[in-house]
Amino acid sequence: MFRHDLSEMEGLLPGPDGTFRSDRLRSAFTDADWAPYLLTSGDRPAGFAFVRDLTGPVRVLNSFFVVRGARGRGIGLRAVQEIVARHPGRWEVAFQDANPAAVRFWRRVAAETAGEAWTEERRPVPRRPDLPPDVWISFSTGGGRPGDGAPAE
């Protein structure tokens, strides 16, 4: 469902077998530098989050998805706040300008998580010059400012 949602903005189609690429899914469950999280609403799955670069200087919220039926209920914001609290330090998350709901959501996450101490920049998508740049938000948890290298408290 995550890739299906993104396909609208990126013009992606599933492979000949009807599935979208799943390399990040495999990495999230097999690579020690990644962490998968299942988001729930009551006893039901409502989405997921994949974090990468856990041992690096900057953690990346690599993939994040909330099913449409669960959006707007605060599940996503609470999940991000719990995830970044588990891994304090510097964080980055990318999204696309073409997804207005993601733009509003991630700016709200940054403001509610880091106050005014967050930055936003556009970066080219690696190996995809045909796509518009991704928007990257950077912030720190535990007291540091984006890019200052301050350790989490």
Protein backbone atom coordinates (compact mmCIF):
# COMPACT_ATOMS: atom_id res chain seq x y z
CA MET A 1 0.00 0.00 0.00
CA PHE A 2 2.93 2.35 0.73
CA ARG A 3 4.38 1.97 -2.75
CA HIS A 4 0.91 2.15 -4.26
CA ASP A 5 0.38 5.54 -2.57
CA LEU A 6 3.74 6.82 -3.83
CA SER A 7 3.12 5.54 -7.34
CA GLU A 8 0.68 8.39 -7.92
CA MET A 9 3.41 10.99 -7.39
CA GLU A 10 6.35 9.12 -8.90
CA GLY A 11 4.62 7.44 -11.85
CA LEU A 12 5.73 4.01 -10.64
CA LEU A 13 4.18 0.75 -11.77
CA PRO A 14 4.46 -2.62 -10.08
CA GLY A 15 6.82 -5.22 -11.51
CA PRO A 16 5.64 -7.94 -13.88
CA ASP A 17 4.69 -10.08 -10.87
CA GLY A 18 2.31 -7.36 -9.59
CA THR A 19 4.46 -6.29 -6.65
CA PHE A 20 6.42 -3.14 -5.97
CA ARG A 21 10.07 -3.26 -4.91
CA SER A 22 10.61 -4.53 -1.41
CA ASP A 23 14.33 -4.01 -0.73
CA ARG A 24 13.65 -1.56 2.11
CA LEU A 25 11.23 -4.00 3.70
CA ARG A 26 13.91 -6.71 3.67
CA SER A 27 16.54 -4.31 5.01
CA ALA A 28 14.28 -3.16 7.84
CA PHE A 29 13.99 -6.72 9.13
CA THR A 30 17.49 -8.04 8.39
CA ASP A 31 19.99 -5.16 8.66
CA ALA A 32 21.21 -4.42 12.20
CA ASP A 33 21.42 -0.70 11.36
CA TRP A 34 17.66 -0.57 10.63
CA ALA A 35 14.57 -0.81 12.86
CA PRO A 36 11.02 -1.62 11.72
CA TYR A 37 7.99 -0.34 13.61
CA LEU A 38 4.37 -1.43 13.20
CA LEU A 39 1.86 1.33 13.85
CA THR A 40 -1.42 0.20 15.35
CA SER A 41 -4.87 1.51 16.09
CA GLY A 42 -6.22 -0.61 18.90
CA ASP A 43 -5.50 -4.19 17.86
CA ARG A 44 -5.30 -3.40 14.14
CA PRO A 45 -2.30 -2.56 11.98
CA ALA A 46 -2.48 1.05 10.83
CA GLY A 47 0.90 1.62 9.20
CA PHE A 48 4.64 1.24 9.58
CA ALA A 49 7.90 3.12 9.93
CA PHE A 50 11.41 2.06 8.95
CA VAL A 51 14.41 3.77 10.53
CA ARG A 52 17.89 3.42 9.06
CA ASP A 53 21.38 4.53 10.05
CA LEU A 54 20.75 3.82 13.74
CA THR A 55 24.49 3.77 14.46
CA GLY A 56 25.34 6.76 12.26
CA PRO A 57 25.47 10.42 13.23
CA VAL A 58 22.03 11.04 11.67
CA ARG A 59 19.08 8.65 11.86
CA VAL A 60 16.81 8.58 8.82
CA LEU A 61 13.10 7.90 8.96
CA ASN A 62 13.38 6.01 5.70
CA SER A 63 9.81 4.92 5.12
CA PHE A 64 6.64 5.98 6.88
CA PHE A 65 3.07 5.02 6.08
CA VAL A 66 -0.33 5.32 7.71
CA VAL A 67 -3.29 3.66 5.97
CA ARG A 68 -5.81 6.16 4.66
CA GLY A 69 -8.53 5.00 7.05
CA ALA A 70 -6.32 5.87 10.05
CA ARG A 71 -5.03 9.24 8.88
CA GLY A 72 -5.99 12.39 10.75
CA ARG A 73 -6.32 10.60 14.10
CA GLY A 74 -2.91 11.47 15.54
CA ILE A 75 -1.52 7.95 15.07
CA GLY A 76 1.30 9.12 12.81
CA LEU A 77 2.40 12.03 14.99
CA ARG A 78 2.41 9.90 18.14
CA ALA A 79 4.34 7.16 16.34
CA VAL A 80 7.04 9.53 15.11
CA GLN A 81 7.40 11.08 18.54
CA GLU A 82 7.75 7.64 20.18
CA ILE A 83 10.23 6.45 17.55
CA VAL A 84 12.52 9.50 17.79
CA ALA A 85 12.37 9.31 21.59
CA ARG A 86 13.72 5.73 21.37
CA HIS A 87 16.66 6.90 19.24
CA PRO A 88 17.61 10.42 20.42
CA GLY A 89 19.93 12.52 18.32
CA ARG A 90 19.90 14.01 14.85
CA TRP A 91 17.12 13.00 12.44
CA GLU A 92 16.23 13.45 8.79
CA VAL A 93 13.08 12.60 6.89
CA ALA A 94 12.30 13.09 3.20
CA PHE A 95 8.98 13.69 1.49
CA GLN A 96 7.71 15.06 -1.79
CA ASP A 97 6.25 18.53 -2.46
CA ALA A 98 3.67 16.83 -4.71
CA ASN A 99 2.08 15.27 -1.62
CA PRO A 100 0.43 18.20 0.19
CA ALA A 101 -0.73 16.03 3.11
CA ALA A 102 2.87 14.86 3.68
CA VAL A 103 4.14 18.45 3.49
CA ARG A 104 1.71 19.55 6.23
CA PHE A 105 2.31 16.43 8.31
CA TRP A 106 6.12 16.53 8.34
CA ARG A 107 6.29 20.27 9.02
CA ARG A 108 3.89 19.73 11.95
CA VAL A 109 6.00 16.80 13.19
CA ALA A 110 9.16 18.93 13.05
CA ALA A 111 7.53 21.89 14.82
CA GLU A 112 5.94 19.76 17.55
CA THR A 113 9.09 17.68 18.03
CA ALA A 114 11.80 20.31 17.75
CA GLY A 115 10.03 23.67 18.14
CA GLU A 116 11.76 26.16 15.87
CA ALA A 117 15.02 24.17 15.78
CA TRP A 118 14.49 22.35 12.47
CA THR A 119 15.54 22.95 8.90
CA GLU A 120 14.15 22.13 5.49
CA GLU A 121 16.00 21.74 2.20
CA ARG A 122 15.50 20.22 -1.24
CA ARG A 123 17.87 17.51 -2.47
CA PRO A 124 17.99 15.66 -5.79
CA VAL A 125 16.65 12.11 -5.71
CA PRO A 126 19.66 9.78 -6.17
CA ARG A 127 19.71 8.03 -9.53
CA ARG A 128 16.37 9.64 -10.49
CA PRO A 129 17.07 12.90 -12.36
CA ASP A 130 13.56 12.62 -13.85
CA LEU A 131 11.96 13.30 -10.44
CA PRO A 132 11.68 16.64 -8.66
CA PRO A 133 13.92 17.00 -5.62
CA ASP A 134 12.84 15.51 -2.30
CA VAL A 135 12.18 17.82 0.61
CA TRP A 136 14.32 16.89 3.63
CA ILE A 137 13.49 18.00 7.14
CA SER A 138 16.23 17.82 9.77
CA PHE A 139 15.83 18.12 13.52
CA SER A 140 17.34 16.83 16.73
CA THR A 141 15.85 15.22 19.77
CA GLY A 142 17.44 15.37 23.17
CA GLY A 143 18.49 19.02 23.00
CA GLY A 144 20.71 19.41 19.90
CA ARG A 145 20.06 21.62 16.89
CA PRO A 146 20.05 20.19 13.35
CA GLY A 147 23.58 19.95 12.05
CA ASP A 148 25.36 21.05 15.21
CA GLY A 149 26.54 17.58 16.17
CA ALA A 150 25.36 18.05 19.72
CA PRO A 151 24.88 14.78 21.54
CA ALA A 152 21.44 13.91 22.81
CA GLU A 153 20.93 14.61 26.49
